[in-house]
Amino acid sequence: MKAAPPTRVLIVDDNDLMRTILRGILRAENCEICGEARNGAVAIDMVEIKHPDVVFLDVMMPEMDGLEALQAIKSMRPETAVIMVTGNPSVGNVQEAIQNGAAGFIVKPFNAGKVLGALQHALAATRRPATP
């Protein structure tokens, strides 16, 4: 039996430590980190080139915030699951993100269980049943 291919993940956060923590958690779970970005504008370019399965996207970033980047990513590649990451989970941000296609939301500080739970939920939601 062939092993499942790794989940391709793009990590987008302007904080180096947050990217390092996410990278460590995800690499331990059959994930291939296909790229990292510090802002939404770079993330959009990387999504177009790298075609990740999942994007972990910080809400508050310079140049282009996560909510703007989410809209662009989902319009360009609707099949890409986007998990929003924030230290300030306002109800408005959560509602806007979900309305614009976010597959999940995790709050900083997070632990491996929360990250992996959000990842599994996002992947399950994006899988389509096989057609007969």
Protein backbone atom coordinates (compact mmCIF):
# COMPACT_ATOMS: atom_id res chain seq x y z
CA MET A 1 0.00 0.00 0.00
CA LYS A 2 1.31 3.39 -0.99
CA ALA A 3 1.78 6.02 1.71
CA ALA A 4 -0.32 9.16 1.43
CA PRO A 5 1.56 12.09 -0.06
CA PRO A 6 2.51 14.77 2.44
CA THR A 7 0.14 17.69 2.95
CA ARG A 8 1.67 20.76 1.33
CA VAL A 9 1.54 23.73 3.73
CA LEU A 10 2.31 27.42 3.35
CA ILE A 11 2.93 29.32 6.61
CA VAL A 12 2.22 33.07 6.57
CA ASP A 13 3.07 35.15 9.64
CA ASP A 14 5.20 38.25 10.18
CA ASN A 15 6.53 36.78 13.44
CA ASP A 16 9.59 34.54 12.99
CA LEU A 17 8.90 32.61 16.21
CA MET A 18 5.31 31.79 15.18
CA ARG A 19 6.52 30.46 11.81
CA THR A 20 9.17 28.35 13.56
CA ILE A 21 6.65 26.87 16.00
CA LEU A 22 4.15 26.05 13.24
CA ARG A 23 6.90 24.57 11.08
CA GLY A 24 8.00 22.23 13.89
CA ILE A 25 4.47 21.06 14.67
CA LEU A 26 3.53 20.48 11.04
CA ARG A 27 6.73 18.73 9.96
CA ALA A 28 6.09 16.08 12.62
CA GLU A 29 2.73 15.30 10.97
CA ASN A 30 3.54 14.30 7.38
CA CYS A 31 3.41 17.90 6.19
CA GLU A 32 5.72 19.39 3.60
CA ILE A 33 6.35 23.08 4.26
CA CYS A 34 6.30 24.34 0.68
CA GLY A 35 6.95 27.94 1.69
CA GLU A 36 6.81 30.71 4.26
CA ALA A 37 5.86 34.37 3.91
CA ARG A 38 5.88 37.45 6.15
CA ASN A 39 2.85 39.20 4.62
CA GLY A 40 -0.28 38.56 2.60
CA ALA A 41 1.01 40.00 -0.66
CA VAL A 42 3.92 37.56 -0.77
CA ALA A 43 1.60 34.75 0.33
CA ILE A 44 -0.68 35.29 -2.68
CA ASP A 45 2.28 35.00 -5.05
CA MET A 46 3.45 31.83 -3.28
CA VAL A 47 -0.01 30.23 -3.43
CA GLU A 48 -0.07 30.83 -7.18
CA ILE A 49 3.35 29.22 -7.65
CA LYS A 50 3.44 26.50 -4.95
CA HIS A 51 -0.22 25.30 -4.91
CA PRO A 52 -0.33 24.41 -1.19
CA ASP A 53 -3.09 22.19 0.17
CA VAL A 54 -3.35 24.32 3.32
CA VAL A 55 -2.32 27.87 4.26
CA PHE A 56 -1.85 28.91 7.88
CA LEU A 57 -2.50 32.66 7.62
CA ASP A 58 -1.95 35.26 10.33
CA VAL A 59 -4.67 37.91 10.53
CA MET A 60 -2.55 40.95 11.47
CA MET A 61 0.42 41.57 9.16
CA PRO A 62 2.09 44.50 7.40
CA GLU A 63 1.45 45.39 3.74
CA MET A 64 -1.60 43.14 3.35
CA ASP A 65 -3.43 41.61 6.27
CA GLY A 66 -4.69 38.05 6.46
CA LEU A 67 -8.33 38.84 5.76
CA GLU A 68 -7.45 40.58 2.48
CA ALA A 69 -5.08 37.76 1.56
CA LEU A 70 -7.78 35.18 2.38
CA GLN A 71 -10.16 36.74 -0.16
CA ALA A 72 -7.48 36.75 -2.85
CA ILE A 73 -6.38 33.17 -2.14
CA LYS A 74 -9.92 31.77 -2.15
CA SER A 75 -10.81 33.59 -5.38
CA MET A 76 -7.64 32.29 -7.06
CA ARG A 77 -7.59 28.73 -5.61
CA PRO A 78 -10.88 27.90 -3.88
CA GLU A 79 -9.70 24.33 -3.20
CA THR A 80 -6.91 25.57 -0.92
CA ALA A 81 -7.85 25.30 2.76
CA VAL A 82 -6.99 28.42 4.75
CA ILE A 83 -6.64 28.36 8.53
CA MET A 84 -6.55 31.79 10.12
CA VAL A 85 -4.17 32.40 13.03
CA THR A 86 -4.55 35.34 15.41
CA GLY A 87 -3.66 36.72 18.79
CA ASN A 88 -6.80 38.89 18.79
CA PRO A 89 -9.85 36.76 18.02
CA SER A 90 -12.52 39.45 17.66
CA VAL A 91 -15.96 38.19 16.70
CA GLY A 92 -15.88 40.42 13.60
CA ASN A 93 -12.59 38.91 12.36
CA VAL A 94 -13.81 35.36 12.92
CA GLN A 95 -17.13 36.01 11.15
CA GLU A 96 -15.45 37.75 8.21
CA ALA A 97 -12.89 34.97 7.83
CA ILE A 98 -15.52 32.20 7.89
CA GLN A 99 -17.77 34.11 5.46
CA ASN A 100 -14.82 34.47 3.09
CA GLY A 101 -14.00 30.77 3.10
CA ALA A 102 -11.62 30.16 6.00
CA ALA A 103 -11.61 26.48 6.97
CA GLY A 104 -10.64 27.17 10.57
CA PHE A 105 -9.37 29.61 13.15
CA ILE A 106 -6.70 29.11 15.83
CA VAL A 107 -5.76 31.58 18.55
CA LYS A 108 -2.24 32.39 19.74
CA PRO A 109 -0.78 31.09 21.93
CA PHE A 110 -1.66 27.69 20.53
CA ASN A 111 -0.45 24.16 21.14
CA ALA A 112 0.20 21.24 18.81
CA GLY A 113 -3.23 19.74 19.53
CA LYS A 114 -5.06 22.88 18.38
CA VAL A 115 -2.94 23.22 15.24
CA LEU A 116 -3.36 19.57 14.27
CA GLY A 117 -7.07 19.60 15.07
CA ALA A 118 -7.57 22.62 12.79
CA LEU A 119 -5.47 20.95 10.09
CA GLN A 120 -7.45 17.69 10.23
CA HIS A 121 -10.76 19.59 10.18
CA ALA A 122 -9.66 21.67 7.19
CA LEU A 123 -8.44 18.65 5.24
CA ALA A 124 -11.64 16.69 5.97
CA ALA A 125 -13.75 19.65 4.81
CA THR A 126 -11.86 19.99 1.52
CA ARG A 127 -11.91 16.30 0.56
CA ARG A 128 -14.61 15.52 -1.95
CA PRO A 129 -16.26 12.14 -2.05
CA ALA A 130 -15.33 9.98 -5.03
CA THR A 131 -17.88 9.90 -7.81
CA PRO A 132 -19.04 6.45 -8.93
